[in-house]
PDB file of all heavy atoms in Angstrom:
ATOM      1  N   ASP A   1       0.892  -1.204  -0.082  1.00  0.00           N
ATOM      2  CA  ASP A   1      -0.031  -0.022   0.036  1.00  0.00           C
ATOM      3  C   ASP A   1       0.979   1.192  -0.022  1.00  0.00           C
ATOM      4  O   ASP A   1       1.475   1.519   1.017  1.00  0.00           O
ATOM      5  CB  ASP A   1      -0.847   0.003   1.207  1.00  0.00           C
ATOM      6  CG  ASP A   1      -1.976   1.108   1.137  1.00  0.00           C
ATOM      7  OD1 ASP A   1      -1.655   2.168   0.590  1.00  0.00           O
ATOM      8  OD2 ASP A   1      -3.095   0.952   1.759  1.00  0.00           O
ATOM      9  N   ASN A   2       1.062   1.825  -1.211  1.00  0.00           N
ATOM     10  CA  ASN A   2       2.012   2.909  -1.245  1.00  0.00           C
ATOM     11  C   ASN A   2       1.619   4.115  -0.436  1.00  0.00           C
ATOM     12  O   ASN A   2       2.583   4.826   0.145  1.00  0.00           O
ATOM     13  CB  ASN A   2       2.214   3.425  -2.759  1.00  0.00           C
ATOM     14  CG  ASN A   2       2.817   2.323  -3.558  1.00  0.00           C
ATOM     15  OD1 ASN A   2       3.698   1.611  -3.083  1.00  0.00           O
ATOM     16  ND2 ASN A   2       2.396   2.233  -4.945  1.00  0.00           N
ATOM     17  N   ALA A   3       0.385   4.384  -0.382  1.00  0.00           N
ATOM     18  CA  ALA A   3      -0.123   5.551   0.498  1.00  0.00           C
ATOM     19  C   ALA A   3       0.269   5.453   1.945  1.00  0.00           C
ATOM     20  O   ALA A   3       0.539   6.326   2.612  1.00  0.00           O
ATOM     21  CB  ALA A   3      -1.595   5.664   0.297  1.00  0.00           C
ATOM     22  N   LYS A   4       0.224   4.157   2.384  1.00  0.00           N
ATOM     23  CA  LYS A   4       0.506   3.941   3.853  1.00  0.00           C
ATOM     24  C   LYS A   4       1.990   3.414   4.071  1.00  0.00           C
ATOM     25  O   LYS A   4       2.504   3.266   5.150  1.00  0.00           O
ATOM     26  CB  LYS A   4      -0.365   2.816   4.374  1.00  0.00           C
ATOM     27  CG  LYS A   4      -1.831   3.182   4.426  1.00  0.00           C
ATOM     28  CD  LYS A   4      -2.670   2.072   5.013  1.00  0.00           C
ATOM     29  CE  LYS A   4      -4.125   2.433   5.086  1.00  0.00           C
ATOM     30  NZ  LYS A   4      -4.920   1.368   5.666  1.00  0.00           N
ATOM     31  N   ASN A   5       2.824   3.405   2.922  1.00  0.00           N
ATOM     32  CA  ASN A   5       4.164   3.010   3.011  1.00  0.00           C
ATOM     33  C   ASN A   5       4.258   1.656   3.770  1.00  0.00           C
ATOM     34  O   ASN A   5       5.121   1.559   4.537  1.00  0.00           O
ATOM     35  CB  ASN A   5       4.958   4.016   3.644  1.00  0.00           C
ATOM     36  CG  ASN A   5       6.455   3.965   3.160  1.00  0.00           C
ATOM     37  OD1 ASN A   5       6.792   3.409   2.053  1.00  0.00           O
ATOM     38  ND2 ASN A   5       7.345   4.571   3.896  1.00  0.00           N
ATOM     39  N   THR A   6       3.436   0.656   3.422  1.00  0.00           N
ATOM     40  CA  THR A   6       3.317  -0.537   4.122  1.00  0.00           C
ATOM     41  C   THR A   6       3.324  -1.739   3.175  1.00  0.00           C
ATOM     42  O   THR A   6       2.676  -1.663   2.050  1.00  0.00           O
ATOM     43  CB  THR A   6       2.010  -0.616   4.981  1.00  0.00           C
ATOM     44  OG1 THR A   6       2.054   0.484   5.968  1.00  0.00           O
ATOM     45  CG2 THR A   6       1.880  -1.894   5.772  1.00  0.00           C
ATOM     46  N   VAL A   7       4.014  -2.709   3.555  1.00  0.00           N
ATOM     47  CA  VAL A   7       4.050  -4.042   2.855  1.00  0.00           C
ATOM     48  C   VAL A   7       3.325  -5.098   3.661  1.00  0.00           C
ATOM     49  O   VAL A   7       3.433  -5.062   4.869  1.00  0.00           O
ATOM     50  CB  VAL A   7       5.550  -4.432   2.508  1.00  0.00           C
ATOM     51  CG1 VAL A   7       5.569  -5.811   1.804  1.00  0.00           C
ATOM     52  CG2 VAL A   7       6.166  -3.384   1.645  1.00  0.00           C
ATOM     53  N   TYR A   8       2.625  -5.929   2.888  1.00  0.00           N
ATOM     54  CA  TYR A   8       1.871  -6.936   3.602  1.00  0.00           C
ATOM     55  C   TYR A   8       2.374  -8.418   3.187  1.00  0.00           C
ATOM     56  O   TYR A   8       2.841  -8.529   1.986  1.00  0.00           O
ATOM     57  CB  TYR A   8       0.435  -6.906   3.268  1.00  0.00           C
ATOM     58  CG  TYR A   8      -0.225  -5.508   3.665  1.00  0.00           C
ATOM     59  CD1 TYR A   8      -0.313  -4.519   2.756  1.00  0.00           C
ATOM     60  CD2 TYR A   8      -0.639  -5.323   4.978  1.00  0.00           C
ATOM     61  CE1 TYR A   8      -0.884  -3.245   3.044  1.00  0.00           C
ATOM     62  CE2 TYR A   8      -1.121  -4.044   5.328  1.00  0.00           C
ATOM     63  CZ  TYR A   8      -1.213  -3.059   4.340  1.00  0.00           C
ATOM     64  OH  TYR A   8      -1.763  -1.806   4.724  1.00  0.00           O
ATOM     65  N   LEU A   9       2.130  -9.352   3.981  1.00  0.00           N
ATOM     66  CA  LEU A   9       2.278 -10.686   3.691  1.00  0.00           C
ATOM     67  C   LEU A   9       0.933 -11.550   4.087  1.00  0.00           C
ATOM     68  O   LEU A   9       0.759 -11.708   5.288  1.00  0.00           O
ATOM     69  CB  LEU A   9       3.487 -11.392   4.230  1.00  0.00           C
ATOM     70  CG  LEU A   9       3.830 -12.810   3.927  1.00  0.00           C
ATOM     71  CD1 LEU A   9       4.227 -12.869   2.449  1.00  0.00           C
ATOM     72  CD2 LEU A   9       4.848 -13.447   4.776  1.00  0.00           C
ATOM     73  N   GLN A  10       0.159 -11.861   3.032  1.00  0.00           N
ATOM     74  CA  GLN A  10      -0.969 -12.577   3.354  1.00  0.00           C
ATOM     75  C   GLN A  10      -0.641 -14.140   3.265  1.00  0.00           C
ATOM     76  O   GLN A  10      -0.065 -14.567   2.288  1.00  0.00           O
ATOM     77  CB  GLN A  10      -2.122 -12.323   2.292  1.00  0.00           C
ATOM     78  CG  GLN A  10      -3.354 -13.105   2.436  1.00  0.00           C
ATOM     79  CD  GLN A  10      -4.162 -12.753   3.677  1.00  0.00           C
ATOM     80  OE1 GLN A  10      -4.303 -11.558   3.952  1.00  0.00           O
ATOM     81  NE2 GLN A  10      -4.578 -13.805   4.434  1.00  0.00           N
ATOM     82  N   MET A  11      -0.898 -14.803   4.326  1.00  0.00           N
ATOM     83  CA  MET A  11      -0.457 -16.157   4.551  1.00  0.00           C
ATOM     84  C   MET A  11      -1.748 -17.038   4.775  1.00  0.00           C
ATOM     85  O   MET A  11      -2.502 -16.842   5.705  1.00  0.00           O
ATOM     86  CB  MET A  11       0.451 -16.371   5.762  1.00  0.00           C
ATOM     87  CG  MET A  11       1.694 -15.465   5.716  1.00  0.00           C
ATOM     88  SD  MET A  11       2.883 -15.902   6.918  1.00  0.00           S
ATOM     89  CE  MET A  11       1.920 -15.417   8.457  1.00  0.00           C
ATOM     90  N   ASN A  12      -2.042 -17.873   3.773  1.00  0.00           N
ATOM     91  CA  ASN A  12      -3.141 -18.780   3.838  1.00  0.00           C
ATOM     92  C   ASN A  12      -2.733 -20.200   3.910  1.00  0.00           C
ATOM     93  O   ASN A  12      -1.605 -20.542   3.588  1.00  0.00           O
ATOM     94  CB  ASN A  12      -3.970 -18.491   2.534  1.00  0.00           C
ATOM     95  CG  ASN A  12      -4.566 -17.111   2.354  1.00  0.00           C
ATOM     96  OD1 ASN A  12      -4.869 -16.493   3.413  1.00  0.00           O
ATOM     97  ND2 ASN A  12      -4.786 -16.680   1.179  1.00  0.00           N
ATOM     98  N   ASN A  13      -3.718 -21.047   4.357  1.00  0.00           N
ATOM     99  CA  ASN A  13      -3.468 -22.504   4.525  1.00  0.00           C
ATOM    100  C   ASN A  13      -2.059 -22.690   5.237  1.00  0.00           C
ATOM    101  O   ASN A  13      -1.256 -23.469   4.864  1.00  0.00           O
ATOM    102  CB  ASN A  13      -3.373 -23.144   3.113  1.00  0.00           C
ATOM    103  CG  ASN A  13      -3.426 -24.636   3.237  1.00  0.00           C
ATOM    104  OD1 ASN A  13      -3.910 -25.202   4.167  1.00  0.00           O
ATOM    105  ND2 ASN A  13      -2.862 -25.264   2.218  1.00  0.00           N
ATOM    106  N   LEU A  14      -2.059 -22.068   6.396  1.00  0.00           N
ATOM    107  CA  LEU A  14      -0.835 -22.181   7.150  1.00  0.00           C
ATOM    108  C   LEU A  14      -0.592 -23.559   7.686  1.00  0.00           C
ATOM    109  O   LEU A  14      -1.556 -24.361   7.993  1.00  0.00           O
ATOM    110  CB  LEU A  14      -0.838 -21.240   8.411  1.00  0.00           C
ATOM    111  CG  LEU A  14      -0.591 -19.779   8.034  1.00  0.00           C
ATOM    112  CD1 LEU A  14      -1.174 -18.828   9.055  1.00  0.00           C
ATOM    113  CD2 LEU A  14       0.832 -19.546   7.682  1.00  0.00           C
ATOM    114  N   LYS A  15       0.636 -23.989   7.765  1.00  0.00           N
ATOM    115  CA  LYS A  15       1.116 -25.238   8.164  1.00  0.00           C
ATOM    116  C   LYS A  15       2.033 -25.085   9.421  1.00  0.00           C
ATOM    117  O   LYS A  15       2.584 -24.108   9.672  1.00  0.00           O
ATOM    118  CB  LYS A  15       1.934 -25.990   7.107  1.00  0.00           C
ATOM    119  CG  LYS A  15       1.083 -26.067   5.796  1.00  0.00           C
ATOM    120  CD  LYS A  15       2.018 -26.714   4.776  1.00  0.00           C
ATOM    121  CE  LYS A  15       1.281 -26.814   3.464  1.00  0.00           C
ATOM    122  NZ  LYS A  15       2.081 -27.361   2.337  1.00  0.00           N
ATOM    123  N   PRO A  16       2.131 -26.211  10.280  1.00  0.00           N
ATOM    124  CA  PRO A  16       2.998 -26.093  11.483  1.00  0.00           C
ATOM    125  C   PRO A  16       4.337 -25.705  11.157  1.00  0.00           C
ATOM    126  O   PRO A  16       5.066 -24.895  11.958  1.00  0.00           O
ATOM    127  CB  PRO A  16       2.899 -27.477  12.133  1.00  0.00           C
ATOM    128  CG  PRO A  16       1.584 -27.918  11.704  1.00  0.00           C
ATOM    129  CD  PRO A  16       1.309 -27.391  10.283  1.00  0.00           C
ATOM    130  N   GLU A  17       4.910 -26.047   9.998  1.00  0.00           N
ATOM    131  CA  GLU A  17       6.225 -25.780   9.636  1.00  0.00           C
ATOM    132  C   GLU A  17       6.423 -24.329   9.315  1.00  0.00           C
ATOM    133  O   GLU A  17       7.628 -23.794   9.033  1.00  0.00           O
ATOM    134  CB  GLU A  17       6.770 -26.669   8.459  1.00  0.00           C
ATOM    135  CG  GLU A  17       5.753 -26.748   7.238  1.00  0.00           C
ATOM    136  CD  GLU A  17       4.881 -27.938   7.288  1.00  0.00           C
ATOM    137  OE1 GLU A  17       4.311 -28.281   8.391  1.00  0.00           O
ATOM    138  OE2 GLU A  17       4.656 -28.618   6.278  1.00  0.00           O
ATOM    139  N   ASP A  18       5.319 -23.552   9.152  1.00  0.00           N
ATOM    140  CA  ASP A  18       5.466 -22.170   8.995  1.00  0.00           C
ATOM    141  C   ASP A  18       5.752 -21.388  10.248  1.00  0.00           C
ATOM    142  O   ASP A  18       5.934 -20.118  10.208  1.00  0.00           O
ATOM    143  CB  ASP A  18       4.134 -21.610   8.396  1.00  0.00           C
ATOM    144  CG  ASP A  18       3.862 -22.107   6.975  1.00  0.00           C
ATOM    145  OD1 ASP A  18       4.832 -22.178   6.170  1.00  0.00           O
ATOM    146  OD2 ASP A  18       2.677 -22.394   6.618  1.00  0.00           O
ATOM    147  N   THR A  19       5.674 -21.987  11.394  1.00  0.00           N
ATOM    148  CA  THR A  19       6.026 -21.448  12.628  1.00  0.00           C
ATOM    149  C   THR A  19       7.370 -20.846  12.725  1.00  0.00           C
ATOM    150  O   THR A  19       8.346 -21.514  12.374  1.00  0.00           O
ATOM    151  CB  THR A  19       5.774 -22.457  13.802  1.00  0.00           C
ATOM    152  OG1 THR A  19       4.461 -22.898  13.861  1.00  0.00           O
ATOM    153  CG2 THR A  19       6.252 -21.866  15.128  1.00  0.00           C
ATOM    154  N   ALA A  20       7.453 -19.547  12.975  1.00  0.00           N
ATOM    155  CA  ALA A  20       8.757 -18.857  12.976  1.00  0.00           C
ATOM    156  C   ALA A  20       8.465 -17.432  13.422  1.00  0.00           C
ATOM    157  O   ALA A  20       7.322 -16.972  13.487  1.00  0.00           O
ATOM    158  CB  ALA A  20       9.344 -18.922  11.585  1.00  0.00           C
ATOM    159  N   VAL A  21       9.622 -16.670  13.600  1.00  0.00           N
ATOM    160  CA  VAL A  21       9.558 -15.271  13.748  1.00  0.00           C
ATOM    161  C   VAL A  21       9.718 -14.716  12.272  1.00  0.00           C
ATOM    162  O   VAL A  21      10.685 -15.077  11.626  1.00  0.00           O
ATOM    163  CB  VAL A  21      10.633 -14.664  14.716  1.00  0.00           C
ATOM    164  CG1 VAL A  21      10.590 -13.128  14.707  1.00  0.00           C
ATOM    165  CG2 VAL A  21      10.535 -15.200  16.087  1.00  0.00           C
ATOM    166  N   TYR A  22       8.808 -13.851  11.913  1.00  0.00           N
ATOM    167  CA  TYR A  22       8.894 -13.287  10.545  1.00  0.00           C
ATOM    168  C   TYR A  22       9.414 -11.861  10.648  1.00  0.00           C
ATOM    169  O   TYR A  22       8.907 -11.103  11.409  1.00  0.00           O
ATOM    170  CB  TYR A  22       7.375 -13.335   9.972  1.00  0.00           C
ATOM    171  CG  TYR A  22       7.007 -14.667   9.441  1.00  0.00           C
ATOM    172  CD1 TYR A  22       6.771 -15.739  10.367  1.00  0.00           C
ATOM    173  CD2 TYR A  22       7.016 -14.954   8.134  1.00  0.00           C
ATOM    174  CE1 TYR A  22       6.409 -16.921   9.907  1.00  0.00           C
ATOM    175  CE2 TYR A  22       6.628 -16.242   7.604  1.00  0.00           C
ATOM    176  CZ  TYR A  22       6.352 -17.248   8.594  1.00  0.00           C
ATOM    177  OH  TYR A  22       6.017 -18.556   8.116  1.00  0.00           O
ATOM    178  N   TYR A  23      10.347 -11.522   9.706  1.00  0.00           N
ATOM    179  CA  TYR A  23      10.867 -10.251   9.680  1.00  0.00           C
ATOM    180  C   TYR A  23      10.679  -9.676   8.241  1.00  0.00           C
ATOM    181  O   TYR A  23      10.714 -10.325   7.278  1.00  0.00           O
ATOM    182  CB  TYR A  23      12.429 -10.366   9.915  1.00  0.00           C
ATOM    183  CG  TYR A  23      12.809 -10.926  11.249  1.00  0.00           C
ATOM    184  CD1 TYR A  23      13.031 -12.273  11.328  1.00  0.00           C
ATOM    185  CD2 TYR A  23      13.133 -10.043  12.198  1.00  0.00           C
ATOM    186  CE1 TYR A  23      13.396 -12.773  12.481  1.00  0.00           C
ATOM    187  CE2 TYR A  23      13.556 -10.645  13.502  1.00  0.00           C
ATOM    188  CZ  TYR A  23      13.687 -11.946  13.578  1.00  0.00           C
ATOM    189  OH  TYR A  23      14.015 -12.540  14.769  1.00  0.00           O
ATOM    190  N   CYS A  24      10.500  -8.367   8.223  1.00  0.00           N
ATOM    191  CA  CYS A  24      10.637  -7.626   6.962  1.00  0.00           C
ATOM    192  C   CYS A  24      11.937  -6.880   6.839  1.00  0.00           C
ATOM    193  O   CYS A  24      12.517  -6.565   7.863  1.00  0.00           O
ATOM    194  CB  CYS A  24       9.426  -6.678   6.690  1.00  0.00           C
ATOM    195  SG  CYS A  24       9.355  -5.318   7.815  1.00  0.00           S
ATOM    196  N   ALA A  25      12.430  -6.646   5.645  1.00  0.00           N
ATOM    197  CA  ALA A  25      13.689  -6.052   5.386  1.00  0.00           C
ATOM    198  C   ALA A  25      13.689  -5.291   4.120  1.00  0.00           C
ATOM    199  O   ALA A  25      12.912  -5.511   3.217  1.00  0.00           O
ATOM    200  CB  ALA A  25      14.762  -7.100   5.385  1.00  0.00           C
ATOM    201  N   ILE A  26      14.606  -4.261   4.047  1.00  0.00           N
ATOM    202  CA  ILE A  26      14.701  -3.576   2.763  1.00  0.00           C
ATOM    203  C   ILE A  26      16.167  -3.300   2.475  1.00  0.00           C
ATOM    204  O   ILE A  26      17.072  -3.197   3.343  1.00  0.00           O
ATOM    205  CB  ILE A  26      13.973  -2.149   2.967  1.00  0.00           C
ATOM    206  CG1 ILE A  26      13.895  -1.374   1.618  1.00  0.00           C
ATOM    207  CG2 ILE A  26      14.677  -1.330   4.015  1.00  0.00           C
ATOM    208  CD1 ILE A  26      13.024  -0.175   1.643  1.00  0.00           C
ATOM    209  N   THR A  27      16.516  -3.202   1.200  1.00  0.00           N
ATOM    210  CA  THR A  27      17.813  -2.974   0.679  1.00  0.00           C
ATOM    211  C   THR A  27      17.733  -2.239  -0.655  1.00  0.00           C
ATOM    212  O   THR A  27      16.737  -2.372  -1.346  1.00  0.00           O
ATOM    213  CB  THR A  27      18.709  -4.252   0.659  1.00  0.00           C
ATOM    214  OG1 THR A  27      19.992  -3.946   0.276  1.00  0.00           O
ATOM    215  CG2 THR A  27      18.093  -5.185  -0.415  1.00  0.00           C
ATOM    216  N   ASP A  28      18.791  -1.582  -1.009  1.00  0.00           N
ATOM    217  CA  ASP A  28      18.924  -0.958  -2.302  1.00  0.00           C
ATOM    218  C   ASP A  28      20.086  -1.515  -3.154  1.00  0.00           C
ATOM    219  O   ASP A  28      20.470  -0.759  -4.059  1.00  0.00           O
ATOM    220  CB  ASP A  28      18.955   0.510  -2.190  1.00  0.00           C
ATOM    221  CG  ASP A  28      20.289   1.062  -1.509  1.00  0.00           C
ATOM    222  OD1 ASP A  28      21.034   0.182  -1.013  1.00  0.00           O
ATOM    223  OD2 ASP A  28      20.534   2.224  -1.551  1.00  0.00           O
ATOM    224  N   ARG A  29      20.558  -2.660  -2.842  1.00  0.00           N
ATOM    225  CA  ARG A  29      21.679  -3.149  -3.541  1.00  0.00           C
ATOM    226  C   ARG A  29      21.519  -4.639  -4.026  1.00  0.00           C
ATOM    227  O   ARG A  29      22.562  -5.341  -4.032  1.00  0.00           O
ATOM    228  CB  ARG A  29      22.889  -3.045  -2.651  1.00  0.00           C
ATOM    229  CG  ARG A  29      22.794  -3.636  -1.259  1.00  0.00           C
ATOM    230  CD  ARG A  29      24.032  -3.297  -0.410  1.00  0.00           C
ATOM    231  NE  ARG A  29      23.877  -3.755   0.960  1.00  0.00           N
ATOM    232  CZ  ARG A  29      24.297  -4.982   1.262  1.00  0.00           C
ATOM    233  NH1 ARG A  29      24.932  -5.812   0.432  1.00  0.00           N
ATOM    234  NH2 ARG A  29      24.215  -5.351   2.614  1.00  0.00           N
ATOM    235  N   VAL A  30      20.410  -4.965  -4.440  1.00  0.00           N
ATOM    236  CA  VAL A  30      20.197  -6.355  -4.888  1.00  0.00           C
ATOM    237  C   VAL A  30      19.459  -6.337  -6.232  1.00  0.00           C
ATOM    238  O   VAL A  30      18.922  -7.347  -6.741  1.00  0.00           O
ATOM    239  CB  VAL A  30      19.376  -7.279  -3.991  1.00  0.00           C
ATOM    240  CG1 VAL A  30      20.148  -7.413  -2.610  1.00  0.00           C
ATOM    241  CG2 VAL A  30      17.999  -6.809  -3.679  1.00  0.00           C
ATOM    242  N   ALA A  31      19.434  -5.103  -6.924  1.00  0.00           N
ATOM    243  CA  ALA A  31      18.675  -5.046  -8.174  1.00  0.00           C
ATOM    244  C   ALA A  31      19.286  -5.948  -9.215  1.00  0.00           C
ATOM    245  O   ALA A  31      18.521  -6.485 -10.040  1.00  0.00           O
ATOM    246  CB  ALA A  31      18.535  -3.601  -8.584  1.00  0.00           C
ATOM    247  N   ASP A  32      20.589  -6.007  -9.329  1.00  0.00           N
ATOM    248  CA  ASP A  32      21.240  -6.862 -10.264  1.00  0.00           C
ATOM    249  C   ASP A  32      21.238  -8.273  -9.672  1.00  0.00           C
ATOM    250  O   ASP A  32      21.574  -8.477  -8.494  1.00  0.00           O
ATOM    251  CB  ASP A  32      22.682  -6.361 -10.592  1.00  0.00           C
ATOM    252  CG  ASP A  32      23.491  -6.161  -9.358  1.00  0.00           C
ATOM    253  OD1 ASP A  32      22.936  -5.827  -8.310  1.00  0.00           O
ATOM    254  OD2 ASP A  32      24.745  -6.326  -9.431  1.00  0.00           O
ATOM    255  N   ASN A  33      20.955  -9.259 -10.502  1.00  0.00           N
ATOM    256  CA  ASN A  33      20.854 -10.618 -10.062  1.00  0.00           C
ATOM    257  C   ASN A  33      19.927 -10.829  -8.901  1.00  0.00           C
ATOM    258  O   ASN A  33      20.191 -11.558  -7.976  1.00  0.00           O
ATOM    259  CB  ASN A  33      22.323 -11.179  -9.673  1.00  0.00           C
ATOM    260  CG  ASN A  33      23.276 -11.117 -10.858  1.00  0.00           C
ATOM    261  OD1 ASN A  33      24.357 -10.487 -10.788  1.00  0.00           O
ATOM    262  ND2 ASN A  33      22.949 -11.837 -11.920  1.00  0.00           N
ATOM    263  N   TYR A  34      18.829 -10.202  -8.962  1.00  0.00           N
ATOM    264  CA  TYR A  34      17.814 -10.235  -7.927  1.00  0.00           C
ATOM    265  C   TYR A  34      17.449 -11.649  -7.543  1.00  0.00           C
ATOM    266  O   TYR A  34      17.219 -12.004  -6.387  1.00  0.00           O
ATOM    267  CB  TYR A  34      16.593  -9.423  -8.235  1.00  0.00           C
ATOM    268  CG  TYR A  34      15.509  -9.534  -7.170  1.00  0.00           C
ATOM    269  CD1 TYR A  34      15.682  -8.967  -5.928  1.00  0.00           C
ATOM    270  CD2 TYR A  34      14.418 -10.403  -7.356  1.00  0.00           C
ATOM    271  CE1 TYR A  34      14.747  -9.052  -4.984  1.00  0.00           C
ATOM    272  CE2 TYR A  34      13.518 -10.523  -6.360  1.00  0.00           C
ATOM    273  CZ  TYR A  34      13.602  -9.907  -5.206  1.00  0.00           C
ATOM    274  OH  TYR A  34      12.630  -9.996  -4.197  1.00  0.00           O
ATOM    275  N   TRP A  35      17.252 -12.520  -8.548  1.00  0.00           N
ATOM    276  CA  TRP A  35      16.761 -13.829  -8.308  1.00  0.00           C
ATOM    277  C   TRP A  35      17.734 -14.650  -7.340  1.00  0.00           C
ATOM    278  O   TRP A  35      17.297 -15.571  -6.637  1.00  0.00           O
ATOM    279  CB  TRP A  35      16.641 -14.603  -9.602  1.00  0.00           C
ATOM    280  CG  TRP A  35      15.538 -14.032 -10.396  1.00  0.00           C
ATOM    281  CD1 TRP A  35      15.705 -13.438 -11.611  1.00  0.00           C
ATOM    282  CD2 TRP A  35      14.103 -14.206 -10.183  1.00  0.00           C
ATOM    283  NE1 TRP A  35      14.438 -13.011 -12.082  1.00  0.00           N
ATOM    284  CE2 TRP A  35      13.475 -13.557 -11.181  1.00  0.00           C
ATOM    285  CE3 TRP A  35      13.331 -14.776  -9.195  1.00  0.00           C
ATOM    286  CZ2 TRP A  35      12.064 -13.459 -11.317  1.00  0.00           C
ATOM    287  CZ3 TRP A  35      11.941 -14.619  -9.213  1.00  0.00           C
ATOM    288  CH2 TRP A  35      11.286 -13.948 -10.321  1.00  0.00           C
ATOM    289  N   ILE A  36      18.945 -14.245  -7.295  1.00  0.00           N
ATOM    290  CA  ILE A  36      19.853 -14.905  -6.377  1.00  0.00           C
ATOM    291  C   ILE A  36      20.111 -14.020  -5.213  1.00  0.00           C
ATOM    292  O   ILE A  36      19.922 -14.457  -3.991  1.00  0.00           O
ATOM    293  CB  ILE A  36      21.264 -15.135  -7.136  1.00  0.00           C
ATOM    294  CG1 ILE A  36      21.041 -16.180  -8.183  1.00  0.00           C
ATOM    295  CG2 ILE A  36      22.322 -15.706  -6.054  1.00  0.00           C
ATOM    296  CD1 ILE A  36      22.367 -16.302  -9.080  1.00  0.00           C
TER     297      ILE A  36
END
């Protein structure tokens, strides 16, 4: 949501193996070779 400067992660059909601490992060130095 650009107006709110917010990123979301919608998680459906959750499984026990999804249990974790979830972090968001940002960087400006992965544009090249982003897939890696």
